[in-house]
Protein backbone atom coordinates (compact mmCIF):
# COMPACT_ATOMS: atom_id res chain seq x y z
CA MET A 1 105.60 -52.19 41.95
CA LEU A 2 106.61 -53.33 45.49
CA GLN A 3 106.90 -56.90 44.29
CA ALA A 4 109.34 -55.89 41.58
CA ILE A 5 111.43 -53.89 44.05
CA TYR A 6 111.55 -56.81 46.50
CA ILE A 7 112.60 -59.19 43.79
CA GLY A 8 115.39 -56.87 42.76
CA ILE A 9 116.69 -56.38 46.26
CA GLY A 10 116.47 -60.11 47.03
CA SER A 11 118.38 -60.98 43.95
CA LEU A 12 121.17 -58.45 44.79
CA PHE A 13 121.86 -58.99 48.49
CA LEU A 14 120.66 -62.42 49.50
CA GLY A 15 120.55 -64.59 46.48
CA GLY A 16 119.70 -68.34 46.61
CA ALA A 17 118.16 -69.54 49.95
CA ALA A 18 118.12 -66.10 51.31
CA ALA A 19 115.96 -65.16 48.49
CA THR A 20 113.61 -67.98 49.35
CA VAL A 21 113.32 -66.85 52.98
CA TYR A 22 112.77 -63.38 51.80
CA PHE A 23 109.97 -64.39 49.49
CA VAL A 24 108.21 -66.35 52.27
CA ALA A 25 108.43 -63.39 54.62
CA ARG A 26 107.23 -61.15 51.88
CA ASP A 27 104.22 -63.35 51.15
CA ARG A 28 103.26 -63.51 54.84
CA TRP A 29 103.50 -59.76 55.12
CA PHE A 30 101.40 -59.35 51.97
CA ILE A 31 98.74 -61.77 53.25
CA SER A 32 98.62 -59.99 56.62
CA ASN A 33 98.32 -56.68 54.93
CA THR A 34 95.53 -58.02 52.68
CA ARG A 35 93.62 -59.34 55.70
CA ARG A 36 93.83 -56.00 57.45
CA GLU A 37 92.58 -54.28 54.31
CA ALA A 38 89.72 -56.78 54.03
CA GLN A 39 88.87 -56.29 57.70
CA ARG A 40 88.82 -52.54 57.17
CA LEU A 41 86.56 -52.81 54.13
CA LEU A 42 84.26 -55.16 56.00
CA GLU A 43 83.96 -52.76 58.90
CA GLU A 44 83.27 -49.88 56.52
CA ALA A 45 80.60 -51.94 54.75
CA LYS A 46 79.04 -52.85 58.06
CA SER A 47 79.06 -49.21 59.14
CA GLU A 48 77.48 -48.14 55.82
CA SER A 49 74.90 -50.88 56.13
CA GLU A 50 73.99 -49.74 59.63
CA ARG A 51 73.75 -46.15 58.43
CA ILE A 52 71.49 -47.13 55.54
CA GLU A 53 69.37 -49.26 57.86
CA LYS A 54 68.96 -46.35 60.27
CA GLU A 55 67.98 -43.98 57.47
CA SER A 56 65.52 -46.56 56.12
CA LYS A 57 63.98 -46.97 59.55
CA ILE A 58 63.73 -43.18 59.93
CA GLN A 59 62.06 -42.84 56.49
CA LEU A 60 59.72 -45.71 57.26
CA LYS A 61 58.76 -44.11 60.57
CA GLU A 62 58.12 -40.79 58.79
CA GLN A 63 55.96 -42.50 56.16
CA MET A 64 54.05 -44.37 58.81
CA LEU A 65 53.53 -41.14 60.75
CA HIS A 66 52.30 -39.32 57.63
CA SER A 67 49.94 -42.20 56.74
CA LYS A 68 48.66 -42.25 60.28
CA MET A 69 47.91 -38.52 60.14
CA GLU A 70 46.11 -38.93 56.79
CA ILE A 71 44.03 -41.80 58.15
CA GLU A 72 43.19 -39.84 61.28
CA ARG A 73 42.11 -36.82 59.17
CA GLU A 74 39.91 -39.01 56.97
CA ILE A 75 38.41 -40.61 60.06
CA LYS A 76 37.64 -37.15 61.45
CA ASP A 77 36.00 -36.08 58.17
CA LYS A 78 33.95 -39.27 58.00
CA THR A 79 32.99 -38.88 61.63
CA ARG A 80 31.89 -35.29 61.02
CA ASP A 81 29.80 -36.38 57.98
CA VAL A 82 28.25 -39.21 59.98
CA GLN A 83 27.38 -36.80 62.77
CA ALA A 84 25.76 -34.40 60.26
CA TRP A 85 23.73 -37.25 58.75
CA GLU A 86 22.70 -38.34 62.22
CA LYS A 87 21.49 -34.81 62.98
CA ARG A 88 19.52 -34.74 59.73
CA LEU A 89 18.01 -38.13 60.43
CA LEU A 90 17.03 -37.02 63.89
CA SER A 91 15.47 -33.85 62.48
CA LYS A 92 13.58 -35.85 59.85
CA GLU A 93 12.40 -38.30 62.44
CA GLU A 94 11.09 -35.42 64.54
CA ASN A 95 9.32 -33.90 61.52
CA LEU A 96 7.92 -37.28 60.59
CA ASP A 97 6.59 -37.73 64.10
CA LYS A 98 4.94 -34.29 63.90
CA LYS A 99 3.40 -35.09 60.50
CA ILE A 100 2.13 -38.42 61.77
CA SER A 101 0.54 -36.60 64.68
CA LEU A 102 -1.07 -34.08 62.31
CA ILE A 103 -2.30 -36.88 60.04
CA ASP A 104 -3.81 -38.67 62.98
CA ALA A 105 -5.53 -35.44 64.04
CA LYS A 106 -6.80 -34.86 60.51
CA GLU A 107 -8.04 -38.44 60.26
CA ASP A 108 -9.99 -37.94 63.45
CA LYS A 109 -11.37 -34.68 62.05
CA VAL A 110 -12.27 -36.30 58.74
CA LYS A 111 -14.04 -39.13 60.51
CA LYS A 112 -16.07 -36.60 62.47
CA GLN A 113 -16.85 -34.67 59.27
CA GLU A 114 -17.86 -37.88 57.51
CA GLU A 115 -20.21 -38.69 60.35
CA GLU A 116 -21.62 -35.15 60.19
CA LEU A 117 -21.88 -35.41 56.38
CA VAL A 118 -23.80 -38.66 56.62
CA GLN A 119 -26.16 -37.03 59.08
CA SER A 120 -26.50 -33.98 56.78
CA GLN A 121 -27.16 -36.23 53.76
CA ASN A 122 -29.85 -38.05 55.59
CA LYS A 123 -31.35 -34.74 56.65
CA ILE A 124 -31.12 -33.37 53.09
CA LYS A 125 -32.73 -36.48 51.66
CA THR A 126 -35.59 -36.02 54.06
CA GLU A 127 -35.89 -32.33 53.13
CA ILE A 128 -35.66 -33.17 49.39
CA GLU A 129 -38.48 -35.62 49.72
CA LEU A 130 -40.55 -33.04 51.54
CA TYR A 131 -39.62 -30.38 48.96
CA SER A 132 -40.40 -32.71 46.04
CA ASN A 133 -43.78 -33.42 47.50
CA LYS A 134 -44.42 -29.70 47.96
CA VAL A 135 -43.17 -28.95 44.42
CA LYS A 136 -45.47 -31.59 42.99
CA GLU A 137 -48.38 -30.13 44.92
CA ALA A 138 -47.38 -26.61 43.80
CA GLN A 139 -47.06 -27.75 40.16
CA LYS A 140 -50.48 -29.29 40.28
CA LYS A 141 -51.94 -26.11 41.75
CA LEU A 142 -50.00 -23.95 39.21
CA GLU A 143 -51.12 -26.11 36.27
CA SER A 144 -54.69 -25.93 37.47
CA LEU A 145 -54.49 -22.13 37.89
CA THR A 146 -52.48 -21.20 34.72
CA GLY A 147 -53.44 -23.99 32.40
CA VAL A 148 -49.73 -24.50 31.45
CA THR A 149 -48.19 -27.94 31.79
CA THR A 150 -44.70 -28.64 33.12
CA GLU A 151 -43.37 -29.47 29.63
CA GLU A 152 -44.68 -26.20 28.27
CA ALA A 153 -43.08 -24.32 31.16
CA LYS A 154 -39.77 -26.06 30.41
CA ARG A 155 -40.03 -25.07 26.75
CA ILE A 156 -40.67 -21.44 27.72
CA GLN A 157 -37.71 -21.53 30.07
CA VAL A 158 -35.47 -23.00 27.33
CA GLU A 159 -36.56 -20.26 24.94
CA MET A 160 -35.72 -17.64 27.55
CA ILE A 161 -32.29 -19.20 28.08
CA ILE A 162 -31.68 -19.27 24.30
CA ALA A 163 -32.70 -15.61 24.03
CA ASP A 164 -30.34 -14.70 26.88
CA ALA A 165 -27.56 -16.72 25.23
CA LYS A 166 -28.09 -14.92 21.92
CA HIS A 167 -28.01 -11.61 23.75
CA GLU A 168 -24.72 -12.50 25.42
CA ALA A 169 -23.35 -13.92 22.15
CA ALA A 170 -24.19 -10.69 20.34
CA LYS A 171 -22.35 -8.67 22.99
CA ARG A 172 -19.40 -11.00 22.72
CA ILE A 173 -19.40 -10.80 18.91
CA LYS A 174 -19.43 -7.03 19.04
CA LEU A 175 -16.54 -7.02 21.51
CA ILE A 176 -14.54 -9.47 19.38
CA GLU A 177 -15.16 -7.40 16.26
CA GLU A 178 -13.85 -4.31 17.99
CA GLU A 179 -10.81 -6.12 19.39
CA TYR A 180 -9.80 -7.71 16.08
CA LYS A 181 -10.74 -4.89 13.73
CA GLU A 182 -7.15 -3.82 13.26
CA GLU A 183 -5.93 -7.38 12.70
CA ALA A 184 -8.75 -8.03 10.23
CA GLU A 185 -7.76 -4.94 8.28
CA LYS A 186 -4.18 -6.22 8.00
CA LYS A 187 -5.42 -9.63 6.84
CA ALA A 188 -7.74 -7.97 4.33
CA LYS A 189 -4.83 -6.00 2.90
CA TYR A 190 -2.84 -9.22 2.66
CA ILE A 191 -5.70 -11.00 0.88
CA ILE A 192 -6.17 -8.10 -1.52
CA SER A 193 -2.47 -7.98 -2.30
CA THR A 194 -2.51 -11.75 -2.91
CA ALA A 195 -5.50 -11.41 -5.24
CA ILE A 196 -3.79 -8.59 -7.10
CA GLN A 197 -0.71 -10.75 -7.47
CA ARG A 198 -2.76 -13.66 -8.84
CA TYR A 199 -4.59 -11.57 -11.41
CA ALA A 200 -1.66 -9.28 -12.24
CA GLY A 201 -0.87 -11.22 -15.40
CA GLU A 202 -4.33 -10.70 -16.88
CA TYR A 203 -4.30 -7.04 -15.92
CA VAL A 204 -0.91 -6.44 -17.50
CA ALA A 205 -1.95 -8.17 -20.71
CA GLU A 206 -5.02 -5.94 -21.05
CA ARG A 207 -3.81 -2.61 -19.68
CA THR A 208 -0.15 -2.33 -20.65
CA ILE A 209 0.05 -3.47 -24.27
CA SER A 210 -1.14 -2.24 -27.64
CA THR A 211 -0.94 -4.09 -30.96
CA VAL A 212 -0.22 -3.04 -34.53
CA THR A 213 -1.49 -5.23 -37.36
CA LEU A 214 0.97 -5.63 -40.24
CA PRO A 215 0.04 -6.25 -43.90
CA ASN A 216 2.50 -9.16 -43.96
CA ASP A 217 5.25 -10.76 -41.89
CA GLU A 218 7.98 -9.41 -44.17
CA LEU A 219 7.59 -6.00 -42.55
CA LYS A 220 8.80 -7.45 -39.21
CA GLY A 221 12.29 -7.66 -40.62
CA ARG A 222 12.18 -4.06 -41.82
CA ILE A 223 10.91 -2.86 -38.42
CA ILE A 224 13.76 -4.70 -36.72
CA GLY A 225 16.30 -3.36 -39.18
CA ARG A 226 19.89 -4.32 -39.81
CA GLU A 227 21.35 -5.61 -36.53
CA GLY A 228 18.21 -4.31 -34.75
CA ARG A 229 18.94 -0.60 -35.30
CA ASN A 230 15.37 0.32 -36.33
CA ILE A 231 13.66 -1.35 -33.36
CA ARG A 232 16.21 0.21 -30.98
CA ALA A 233 15.55 3.61 -32.52
CA ILE A 234 11.76 3.21 -32.08
CA GLU A 235 12.13 2.10 -28.44
CA ALA A 236 14.54 4.94 -27.65
CA ALA A 237 12.33 7.59 -29.29
CA THR A 238 9.02 6.43 -27.77
CA GLY A 239 10.07 4.98 -24.40
CA VAL A 240 8.21 1.68 -24.88
CA ASP A 241 9.21 -1.92 -25.59
CA LEU A 242 8.47 -3.60 -28.91
CA ILE A 243 7.81 -7.33 -28.96
CA ILE A 244 8.16 -9.01 -32.33
CA ASP A 245 7.64 -12.74 -32.00
CA ASP A 246 5.96 -15.62 -33.85
CA THR A 247 2.52 -14.01 -33.66
CA PRO A 248 1.51 -13.68 -37.31
CA GLU A 249 1.33 -10.15 -38.75
CA THR A 250 1.36 -8.49 -35.31
CA VAL A 251 3.73 -6.22 -33.38
CA VAL A 252 3.12 -5.86 -29.63
CA ILE A 253 3.84 -2.52 -27.91
CA SER A 254 4.42 -2.81 -24.15
CA GLY A 255 4.50 0.08 -21.65
CA PHE A 256 2.65 1.50 -18.64
CA ASP A 257 2.22 4.99 -20.09
CA PRO A 258 -0.85 4.88 -22.40
CA ILE A 259 0.17 8.06 -24.28
CA LYS A 260 3.63 6.64 -25.05
CA ARG A 261 2.00 3.46 -26.30
CA GLU A 262 -0.35 5.50 -28.49
CA VAL A 263 2.58 7.53 -29.89
CA ALA A 264 4.44 4.31 -30.68
CA ARG A 265 1.37 2.70 -32.26
CA LEU A 266 0.62 5.67 -34.53
CA SER A 267 4.32 6.07 -35.40
CA ILE A 268 4.64 2.44 -36.51
CA GLU A 269 1.44 2.67 -38.56
CA ARG A 270 2.72 5.90 -40.18
CA LEU A 271 6.12 4.34 -40.93
CA ILE A 272 4.48 1.28 -42.51
CA ALA A 273 2.28 3.48 -44.67
CA ASP A 274 5.26 5.68 -45.67
CA GLY A 275 7.51 2.71 -46.44
CA ARG A 276 10.72 4.46 -45.34
CA ILE A 277 11.89 2.85 -42.11
CA HIS A 278 15.30 3.98 -40.82
CA PRO A 279 16.49 5.74 -37.62
CA GLY A 280 16.37 9.24 -39.07
CA ARG A 281 12.83 8.83 -40.41
CA ILE A 282 11.76 7.14 -37.16
CA GLU A 283 12.83 10.13 -35.05
CA GLU A 284 11.10 12.50 -37.43
CA ILE A 285 7.81 10.56 -37.42
CA VAL A 286 7.81 10.03 -33.62
CA ASP A 287 8.43 13.72 -32.99
CA LYS A 288 5.60 14.62 -35.36
CA ILE A 289 3.18 12.11 -33.80
CA ARG A 290 4.07 13.30 -30.30
CA LYS A 291 3.21 16.87 -31.23
CA GLU A 292 -0.07 15.71 -32.75
CA ILE A 293 -0.91 13.73 -29.58
CA ASP A 294 -0.03 16.73 -27.37
CA LYS A 295 -2.29 18.91 -29.48
CA GLU A 296 -5.03 16.30 -29.36
CA VAL A 297 -4.70 15.94 -25.58
CA LYS A 298 -4.98 19.69 -25.15
CA GLU A 299 -8.05 19.74 -27.39
CA TYR A 300 -9.66 16.99 -25.33
CA GLY A 301 -8.99 19.02 -22.19
CA GLU A 302 -10.46 22.17 -23.71
CA GLN A 303 -13.48 20.23 -24.95
CA ALA A 304 -14.06 18.88 -21.44
CA MET A 305 -13.85 22.42 -20.01
CA PHE A 306 -16.34 23.62 -22.61
CA GLU A 307 -18.80 20.79 -22.02
CA VAL A 308 -18.73 21.20 -18.26
CA GLY A 309 -18.67 24.98 -18.37
CA VAL A 310 -15.52 25.45 -16.30
CA GLN A 311 -13.10 28.31 -16.95
CA GLY A 312 -9.73 29.54 -15.78
CA VAL A 313 -8.06 26.12 -15.62
CA HIS A 314 -4.27 25.95 -15.80
CA PRO A 315 -2.95 24.70 -19.20
CA GLU A 316 -1.07 21.82 -17.54
CA ILE A 317 -4.30 20.63 -15.92
CA LEU A 318 -5.97 20.79 -19.32
CA LYS A 319 -3.32 18.40 -20.65
CA LEU A 320 -3.78 16.06 -17.69
CA ILE A 321 -7.55 15.94 -18.22
CA GLY A 322 -7.07 15.34 -21.94
CA SER A 323 -4.56 12.54 -21.28
CA LEU A 324 -7.27 10.69 -19.32
CA LYS A 325 -8.73 9.89 -22.76
CA TYR A 326 -6.06 7.17 -22.94
CA ARG A 327 -6.50 5.95 -19.35
CA THR A 328 -8.91 3.22 -18.21
CA SER A 329 -9.83 1.79 -14.83
CA TYR A 330 -11.70 -1.53 -14.68
CA SER A 331 -12.31 -1.02 -18.45
CA GLN A 332 -14.01 2.35 -17.74
CA ASN A 333 -12.53 5.27 -19.69
CA GLN A 334 -11.37 7.86 -17.15
CA TYR A 335 -12.00 10.85 -19.44
CA VAL A 336 -15.66 9.87 -19.82
CA HIS A 337 -15.80 9.00 -16.11
CA SER A 338 -14.49 12.45 -15.13
CA LEU A 339 -17.13 14.15 -17.31
CA GLU A 340 -19.85 11.98 -15.76
CA VAL A 341 -18.69 12.84 -12.24
CA ALA A 342 -18.62 16.55 -13.14
CA PHE A 343 -22.19 16.47 -14.50
CA LEU A 344 -23.46 14.40 -11.56
CA SER A 345 -21.72 16.70 -9.07
CA GLY A 346 -23.38 19.72 -10.71
CA THR A 347 -26.78 18.07 -10.62
CA ILE A 348 -26.47 17.10 -6.93
CA ALA A 349 -25.17 20.57 -6.04
CA GLY A 350 -28.11 22.19 -7.86
CA GLU A 351 -30.60 20.09 -5.90
CA LEU A 352 -28.89 21.03 -2.63
CA GLY A 353 -28.59 24.72 -3.43
CA PHE A 354 -24.79 24.50 -3.51
CA ASP A 355 -22.32 26.20 -5.90
CA VAL A 356 -22.85 24.24 -9.15
CA LYS A 357 -19.73 25.50 -10.95
CA LEU A 358 -17.51 24.68 -7.99
CA ALA A 359 -18.99 21.19 -7.76
CA LYS A 360 -18.49 20.57 -11.50
CA ARG A 361 -14.90 21.76 -11.30
CA ALA A 362 -14.14 19.46 -8.37
CA GLY A 363 -15.86 16.52 -10.08
CA LEU A 364 -13.92 17.04 -13.30
CA LEU A 365 -10.56 17.25 -11.51
CA HIS A 366 -11.12 14.49 -8.94
CA ASP A 367 -9.16 11.82 -10.89
CA ILE A 368 -6.40 13.89 -12.56
CA GLY A 369 -3.87 11.96 -10.46
CA LYS A 370 -4.57 8.90 -12.63
CA ALA A 371 -2.94 10.68 -15.57
CA ILE A 372 0.52 10.26 -14.00
CA ASP A 373 0.06 7.65 -11.23
CA HIS A 374 2.09 5.16 -13.31
CA SER A 375 5.20 7.35 -12.98
CA VAL A 376 4.71 9.02 -9.55
CA GLU A 377 4.58 7.23 -6.20
CA GLY A 378 1.42 7.45 -4.14
CA SER A 379 -2.33 7.02 -4.59
CA HIS A 380 -4.05 8.85 -7.42
CA ALA A 381 -6.09 10.90 -4.91
CA SER A 382 -2.96 12.21 -3.17
CA ILE A 383 -1.18 12.82 -6.51
CA GLY A 384 -4.23 14.68 -7.85
CA ALA A 385 -4.46 16.84 -4.72
CA ASP A 386 -0.78 17.76 -5.04
CA LEU A 387 -1.23 18.69 -8.72
CA ALA A 388 -4.28 20.81 -7.95
CA LYS A 389 -2.38 22.62 -5.21
CA LYS A 390 0.62 23.12 -7.51
CA TYR A 391 -1.49 24.74 -10.23
CA GLY A 392 -3.41 27.07 -7.93
CA GLU A 393 -6.77 25.38 -7.35
CA LYS A 394 -8.89 26.36 -4.34
CA PRO A 395 -8.33 24.60 -0.99
CA GLU A 396 -11.86 23.13 -0.96
CA ILE A 397 -11.29 21.54 -4.39
CA ILE A 398 -7.91 20.17 -3.28
CA HIS A 399 -9.50 18.59 -0.19
CA SER A 400 -12.39 17.12 -2.20
CA ILE A 401 -9.88 15.44 -4.54
CA LYS A 402 -7.92 13.95 -1.66
CA SER A 403 -10.98 12.81 0.29
CA HIS A 404 -13.03 11.27 -2.52
CA HIS A 405 -11.63 7.83 -1.53
CA GLU A 406 -11.56 8.77 2.18
CA GLU A 407 -7.78 9.04 2.39
CA GLU A 408 -8.75 12.12 4.37
CA LYS A 409 -12.02 12.44 6.22
CA PRO A 410 -14.71 14.26 4.18
CA GLU A 411 -15.57 17.53 5.89
CA SER A 412 -17.49 19.85 3.58
CA VAL A 413 -20.63 19.44 1.49
CA LEU A 414 -18.42 19.53 -1.62
CA ASP A 415 -16.43 16.50 -0.38
CA PHE A 416 -19.58 14.43 -0.02
CA ILE A 417 -20.96 15.58 -3.38
CA VAL A 418 -17.81 14.50 -5.26
CA GLN A 419 -17.67 11.23 -3.34
CA ALA A 420 -21.29 10.42 -4.14
CA ALA A 421 -20.92 11.39 -7.82
CA ASP A 422 -17.81 9.23 -8.18
CA ALA A 423 -19.64 6.26 -6.65
CA LEU A 424 -22.61 6.77 -8.95
CA SER A 425 -20.46 6.87 -12.08
CA SER A 426 -18.31 3.90 -11.08
CA ALA A 427 -20.96 1.64 -9.64
CA ARG A 428 -23.74 2.04 -12.17
CA PRO A 429 -24.61 -1.20 -14.03
CA GLY A 430 -22.46 -1.64 -17.11
CA ALA A 431 -19.92 1.02 -16.20
CA ARG A 432 -17.22 -1.42 -15.19
CA ARG A 433 -17.55 -4.61 -17.22
CA GLU A 434 -20.65 -6.11 -15.68
CA MET A 435 -23.68 -7.47 -17.51
CA LEU A 436 -27.00 -5.85 -16.68
CA GLU A 437 -28.76 -9.18 -16.40
CA SER A 438 -26.29 -10.55 -13.84
CA TYR A 439 -26.47 -7.30 -11.92
CA VAL A 440 -30.27 -7.38 -11.68
CA LYS A 441 -30.24 -11.08 -10.78
CA ARG A 442 -27.73 -10.49 -8.00
CA VAL A 443 -29.74 -7.62 -6.56
CA GLU A 444 -32.88 -9.74 -6.58
CA ASP A 445 -31.10 -12.64 -4.89
CA LEU A 446 -29.65 -10.34 -2.23
CA GLU A 447 -33.05 -8.92 -1.38
CA LYS A 448 -34.66 -12.38 -1.40
CA ILE A 449 -32.06 -13.85 0.99
CA SER A 450 -32.34 -10.89 3.36
CA HIS A 451 -36.16 -11.10 3.42
CA SER A 452 -36.00 -14.78 4.40
CA PHE A 453 -35.01 -13.94 8.01
CA PRO A 454 -37.64 -13.21 10.67
CA GLY A 455 -38.08 -9.63 11.83
CA VAL A 456 -36.99 -8.09 8.50
CA GLU A 457 -39.30 -5.32 7.33
CA ARG A 458 -37.65 -3.95 4.17
CA VAL A 459 -34.43 -4.56 2.19
CA PHE A 460 -32.51 -2.23 -0.12
CA ALA A 461 -29.59 -3.38 -2.31
CA ILE A 462 -27.42 -0.32 -3.05
CA GLN A 463 -23.94 0.48 -4.41
CA ALA A 464 -24.56 -1.75 -7.45
CA GLY A 465 -25.16 -4.72 -5.20
CA ARG A 466 -22.10 -4.09 -3.04
CA GLU A 467 -24.15 -3.25 0.04
CA VAL A 468 -27.44 -4.48 1.49
CA ARG A 469 -29.34 -2.36 3.99
CA VAL A 470 -31.89 -4.27 6.04
CA LEU A 471 -34.62 -2.47 8.01
CA VAL A 472 -35.92 -4.59 10.90
CA LYS A 473 -38.90 -4.34 13.20
CA SER A 474 -37.77 -2.80 16.47
CA ASP A 475 -40.30 -4.74 18.54
CA GLU A 476 -39.05 -8.10 17.20
CA VAL A 477 -35.28 -7.52 16.85
CA SER A 478 -33.16 -6.04 19.65
CA ASP A 479 -29.90 -4.14 19.20
CA GLU A 480 -27.89 -7.22 20.14
CA ALA A 481 -29.95 -9.46 17.88
CA ALA A 482 -29.31 -7.02 15.00
CA VAL A 483 -25.60 -7.82 15.24
CA VAL A 484 -26.32 -11.56 15.01
CA LEU A 485 -28.77 -10.99 12.15
CA SER A 486 -26.21 -9.09 10.07
CA ARG A 487 -23.74 -11.96 10.47
CA ASP A 488 -26.39 -14.58 9.63
CA ILE A 489 -27.41 -12.73 6.46
CA ALA A 490 -23.78 -12.31 5.39
CA LYS A 491 -23.13 -16.01 5.98
CA LYS A 492 -26.22 -16.97 3.97
CA ILE A 493 -25.08 -14.74 1.10
CA GLU A 494 -21.63 -16.35 1.15
CA GLU A 495 -23.19 -19.82 0.95
CA ASP A 496 -25.81 -19.16 -1.73
CA LEU A 497 -24.35 -16.50 -4.06
CA SER A 498 -21.28 -16.12 -6.25
CA TYR A 499 -20.10 -12.53 -6.62
CA PRO A 500 -16.92 -10.48 -7.12
CA GLY A 501 -15.41 -8.52 -4.25
CA GLN A 502 -17.42 -8.25 -1.04
CA ILE A 503 -20.94 -7.32 0.03
CA LYS A 504 -21.57 -5.21 3.11
CA VAL A 505 -24.66 -6.08 5.17
CA THR A 506 -26.05 -3.24 7.32
CA VAL A 507 -28.95 -3.93 9.69
CA ILE A 508 -30.87 -0.80 10.74
CA ARG A 509 -33.15 -0.83 13.77
CA GLU A 510 -35.16 2.26 14.55
CA THR A 511 -37.36 2.95 17.57
CA ARG A 512 -39.85 5.79 17.33
CA ALA A 513 -41.76 7.33 20.20
CA VAL A 514 -44.65 9.58 19.19
CA GLY A 515 -46.48 11.85 21.57
CA VAL A 516 -49.49 14.08 20.74
CA ALA A 517 -50.11 17.27 22.64
CA LYS A 518 -53.74 18.43 22.74
């Protein structure tokens, strides 16, 4: 802008040479002005450079000071750690010196003890030699006086040690048996439940089905009916299951209630004989058969009352006793079993001078719980006791029913009579699917095995071979040895015999002292 103004002024007032002079002066002034501006900028740059340099030096000094402080702090920390380690090392050195001193003292003591031990060993050797010589002399004198050699004395001593060991072993066995009795009972229950599970199939096949023989297989279709209506009607009316399969000319009736199975069996036989098989006729026949069975059950109950000579029994109990005609246990008919127990109870009561009628009544009613134990929870003894209480039986009869399998402890004479009669009826040879020959053979083998042990005087196999009672000589078998003997006999029986269930071995030792007054 200034240049343009100068040019304009020069061209107006001076012109020509004047303009030239003007332009030279102008250029000089411009150069001078530029130099001053450059000098100013240079001084400003120098000042800024000095300022920056000062700030950099200040920052550098600060950083150096900070680094120095950090290094000094680290040196202090390291010095403190080194001092601590030095203290520890000094302490350990002191402890080590003490331990070395103790070890040196102990070494000196051990050396002295070794010297004393060597002296003692030499002294003992001398004494042993003297003692051995004296023992040999004493043995010679003892052998000459008693007539027993050293070997024989050793044998006697060994026998005494064995006898003591057996005595201690018997005590230990008795203690172990007491300690593990509860655990053994649990294991026994587990084993029994496992055995029941394994043989459940066979039991169900025998005890929960009945069969009806058909004239021909064509009747199977008529029993099933159109779309299965006949078979559904039979199952609904009787409460059982019908199985019609490929078995030729046979219909299987399945159910836990023996009376329902009997009603179904007779109903099917009656329907086959009648020839009319349809839901209406089925209901009519089943109802008729059920009434006949109820009447028959009542008659069986009345007949049992008459045979036993018991009166005043509740009608519902009569039905329960009669229904036992269709109940079995281990293939033994429970109706016949109840009559046997009643007669045996009366006979035992008569011999003991007890109330015969009361004993017969208790014996007849002892298993009434089995009539409904398939539909009511609990053991048949508890169920029977509850039924007897419900229908007004005497408290002593109720207790005898509940205690005949020792679910409650037997207390009265009646309880023991019923328990004994039940055992006699159940355990007699042949009562529960057992051949007489095998029974006699097992009893003989049991007695023979028991007699083979020393000290046994007499043996009795009782409870149909389920228990062996061994009488021993009290002067030959001690109480502790009796425990060992019972286990040895049981082990021998396990090894040599094959038998169902278990066999109890009871060893009886009796000591009698007799005095005569004159």
